């Protein structure tokens, strides 16, 4: 986790540990609270409320004709 915290790429960590693939390394890498807090600090709340997309009748008619 310390290597990950210091910016070492997961594929490099996998090579150092002798793992066959990066997916194997994923088993051992779990995000802790520091990583979660860092990620959340970089996210901004959207200004607009998201709404579900509602296609109009013309689009629905086109899709049904396919």
N, C-alpha and C. Protein backbone atom coordinates (compact mmCIF):
# COMPACT_ATOMS: atom_id res chain seq x y z
N UNK A 1 0.82 -1.19 0.00
CA UNK A 1 0.00 0.00 0.00
C UNK A 1 0.86 1.25 0.00
N UNK A 2 1.99 1.21 0.69
CA UNK A 2 2.87 2.38 0.72
C UNK A 2 3.38 2.73 -0.67
N UNK A 3 3.75 1.72 -1.45
CA UNK A 3 4.19 1.97 -2.82
C UNK A 3 3.07 2.62 -3.62
N UNK A 4 1.88 2.12 -3.47
CA UNK A 4 0.73 2.68 -4.17
C UNK A 4 0.48 4.11 -3.74
N UNK A 5 0.61 4.39 -2.45
CA UNK A 5 0.43 5.75 -1.93
C UNK A 5 1.46 6.71 -2.49
N UNK A 6 2.64 6.20 -2.80
CA UNK A 6 3.70 7.06 -3.31
C UNK A 6 3.72 7.14 -4.83
N UNK A 7 2.67 6.61 -5.46
CA UNK A 7 2.50 6.78 -6.90
C UNK A 7 3.11 5.70 -7.78
N UNK A 8 3.55 4.59 -7.19
CA UNK A 8 4.09 3.51 -8.00
C UNK A 8 2.92 2.80 -8.70
N UNK A 9 3.07 2.60 -10.00
CA UNK A 9 2.01 1.98 -10.79
C UNK A 9 1.79 0.53 -10.36
N UNK A 10 0.54 0.09 -10.42
CA UNK A 10 0.18 -1.26 -10.01
C UNK A 10 0.88 -2.32 -10.83
N UNK A 11 1.11 -2.05 -12.11
CA UNK A 11 1.80 -3.04 -12.95
C UNK A 11 3.25 -3.21 -12.51
N UNK A 12 3.88 -2.14 -12.04
CA UNK A 12 5.25 -2.23 -11.54
C UNK A 12 5.27 -3.04 -10.25
N UNK A 13 4.30 -2.80 -9.38
CA UNK A 13 4.21 -3.56 -8.13
C UNK A 13 4.01 -5.04 -8.45
N UNK A 14 3.19 -5.35 -9.44
CA UNK A 14 2.94 -6.74 -9.84
C UNK A 14 4.24 -7.40 -10.31
N UNK A 15 5.04 -6.66 -11.08
CA UNK A 15 6.32 -7.21 -11.54
C UNK A 15 7.26 -7.46 -10.38
N UNK A 16 7.36 -6.52 -9.45
CA UNK A 16 8.24 -6.67 -8.29
C UNK A 16 7.84 -7.87 -7.44
N UNK A 17 6.54 -8.10 -7.32
CA UNK A 17 6.07 -9.21 -6.50
C UNK A 17 6.08 -10.54 -7.24
N UNK A 18 6.36 -10.49 -8.54
CA UNK A 18 6.43 -11.71 -9.33
C UNK A 18 5.07 -12.27 -9.69
N UNK A 19 4.06 -11.42 -9.71
CA UNK A 19 2.72 -11.88 -10.07
C UNK A 19 2.61 -12.07 -11.58
N UNK A 20 1.81 -13.03 -11.95
CA UNK A 20 1.61 -13.34 -13.37
C UNK A 20 0.90 -12.20 -14.10
N UNK A 21 -0.04 -11.57 -13.41
CA UNK A 21 -0.79 -10.48 -14.02
C UNK A 21 -1.15 -9.44 -12.97
N UNK A 22 -1.58 -8.28 -13.45
CA UNK A 22 -1.98 -7.21 -12.54
C UNK A 22 -3.24 -7.61 -11.77
N UNK A 23 -4.08 -8.45 -12.40
CA UNK A 23 -5.30 -8.91 -11.72
C UNK A 23 -4.97 -9.67 -10.44
N UNK A 24 -3.87 -10.41 -10.47
CA UNK A 24 -3.46 -11.13 -9.26
C UNK A 24 -3.09 -10.14 -8.15
N UNK A 25 -2.44 -9.06 -8.53
CA UNK A 25 -2.03 -8.04 -7.55
C UNK A 25 -3.25 -7.35 -6.96
N UNK A 26 -4.31 -7.22 -7.75
CA UNK A 26 -5.52 -6.56 -7.26
C UNK A 26 -6.07 -7.23 -6.01
N UNK A 27 -5.88 -8.52 -5.87
CA UNK A 27 -6.37 -9.24 -4.71
C UNK A 27 -5.77 -8.65 -3.43
N UNK A 28 -4.52 -8.21 -3.53
CA UNK A 28 -3.80 -7.74 -2.35
C UNK A 28 -3.89 -6.23 -2.14
N UNK A 29 -4.35 -5.53 -3.15
CA UNK A 29 -4.43 -4.06 -3.05
C UNK A 29 -5.87 -3.67 -2.74
N UNK A 30 -6.08 -3.16 -1.56
CA UNK A 30 -7.39 -2.68 -1.16
C UNK A 30 -7.26 -1.21 -0.78
N UNK A 31 -8.19 -0.41 -1.28
CA UNK A 31 -8.15 1.02 -0.99
C UNK A 31 -8.44 1.24 0.49
N UNK A 32 -7.56 1.94 1.15
CA UNK A 32 -7.81 2.28 2.54
C UNK A 32 -8.38 3.69 2.62
N UNK A 33 -8.60 4.16 3.82
CA UNK A 33 -9.27 5.45 4.01
C UNK A 33 -8.46 6.61 3.41
N UNK A 34 -7.13 6.55 3.44
CA UNK A 34 -6.33 7.63 2.87
C UNK A 34 -6.56 7.75 1.37
N UNK A 35 -6.59 6.60 0.69
CA UNK A 35 -6.83 6.63 -0.76
C UNK A 35 -8.24 7.13 -1.07
N UNK A 36 -9.21 6.68 -0.29
CA UNK A 36 -10.59 7.12 -0.52
C UNK A 36 -10.74 8.62 -0.29
N UNK A 37 -10.14 9.12 0.80
CA UNK A 37 -10.21 10.56 1.08
C UNK A 37 -9.53 11.37 -0.02
N UNK A 38 -8.38 10.88 -0.51
CA UNK A 38 -7.67 11.59 -1.57
C UNK A 38 -8.53 11.64 -2.84
N UNK A 39 -9.15 10.52 -3.19
CA UNK A 39 -9.99 10.47 -4.38
C UNK A 39 -11.21 11.38 -4.24
N UNK A 40 -11.84 11.34 -3.08
CA UNK A 40 -13.03 12.17 -2.86
C UNK A 40 -12.69 13.66 -2.84
N UNK A 41 -11.49 14.01 -2.41
CA UNK A 41 -11.11 15.41 -2.37
C UNK A 41 -10.93 15.98 -3.78
N UNK A 42 -10.71 15.13 -4.75
CA UNK A 42 -10.51 15.58 -6.12
C UNK A 42 -11.80 15.62 -6.93
N UNK A 43 -12.89 15.19 -6.34
CA UNK A 43 -14.17 15.15 -7.04
C UNK A 43 -14.98 16.38 -6.64
N UNK A 44 -15.58 16.99 -7.62
CA UNK A 44 -16.46 18.12 -7.33
C UNK A 44 -17.90 17.70 -7.54
N UNK A 45 -18.76 18.23 -6.73
CA UNK A 45 -20.17 17.90 -6.83
C UNK A 45 -20.75 18.58 -8.07
N UNK A 46 -21.50 17.85 -8.87
CA UNK A 46 -22.09 18.46 -10.06
C UNK A 46 -23.09 19.54 -9.68
N UNK A 47 -23.11 20.59 -10.48
CA UNK A 47 -24.01 21.71 -10.19
C UNK A 47 -25.46 21.37 -10.49
N UNK A 48 -25.67 20.62 -11.54
CA UNK A 48 -27.04 20.29 -11.93
C UNK A 48 -27.41 18.91 -11.39
N UNK A 49 -28.67 18.75 -11.08
CA UNK A 49 -29.15 17.44 -10.65
C UNK A 49 -29.28 16.55 -11.88
N UNK A 50 -28.78 15.35 -11.77
CA UNK A 50 -28.90 14.45 -12.90
C UNK A 50 -30.32 13.92 -12.99
N UNK A 51 -30.78 13.79 -14.20
CA UNK A 51 -32.13 13.29 -14.44
C UNK A 51 -32.05 12.11 -15.38
N UNK A 52 -33.02 11.28 -15.30
CA UNK A 52 -33.08 10.13 -16.19
C UNK A 52 -33.46 10.61 -17.59
N UNK A 53 -32.76 10.10 -18.60
CA UNK A 53 -33.02 10.48 -19.98
C UNK A 53 -34.34 9.88 -20.43
N UNK A 54 -35.17 10.70 -21.02
CA UNK A 54 -36.45 10.25 -21.57
C UNK A 54 -36.47 10.53 -23.07
N UNK A 55 -36.35 9.49 -23.89
CA UNK A 55 -36.35 9.72 -25.34
C UNK A 55 -37.72 10.19 -25.81
N UNK A 56 -37.71 10.99 -26.88
CA UNK A 56 -38.99 11.48 -27.41
C UNK A 56 -39.63 10.40 -28.28
N UNK A 57 -40.88 10.64 -28.68
CA UNK A 57 -41.65 9.66 -29.45
C UNK A 57 -41.00 9.34 -30.80
N UNK A 58 -40.40 10.34 -31.42
CA UNK A 58 -39.76 10.14 -32.72
C UNK A 58 -38.59 9.15 -32.60
N UNK A 59 -37.77 9.30 -31.57
CA UNK A 59 -36.66 8.39 -31.36
C UNK A 59 -37.15 6.98 -31.03
N UNK A 60 -38.17 6.87 -30.20
CA UNK A 60 -38.72 5.57 -29.87
C UNK A 60 -39.30 4.87 -31.09
N UNK A 61 -39.97 5.64 -31.95
CA UNK A 61 -40.54 5.07 -33.18
C UNK A 61 -39.41 4.56 -34.08
N UNK A 62 -38.33 5.32 -34.18
CA UNK A 62 -37.18 4.90 -34.99
C UNK A 62 -36.59 3.60 -34.45
N UNK A 63 -36.38 3.54 -33.14
CA UNK A 63 -35.79 2.35 -32.54
C UNK A 63 -36.67 1.13 -32.69
N UNK A 64 -37.98 1.32 -32.59
CA UNK A 64 -38.90 0.20 -32.74
C UNK A 64 -38.93 -0.30 -34.20
N UNK A 65 -38.61 0.57 -35.14
CA UNK A 65 -38.63 0.18 -36.56
C UNK A 65 -37.40 -0.62 -36.95
N UNK A 66 -36.39 -0.67 -36.09
CA UNK A 66 -35.15 -1.40 -36.43
C UNK A 66 -35.32 -2.88 -36.41
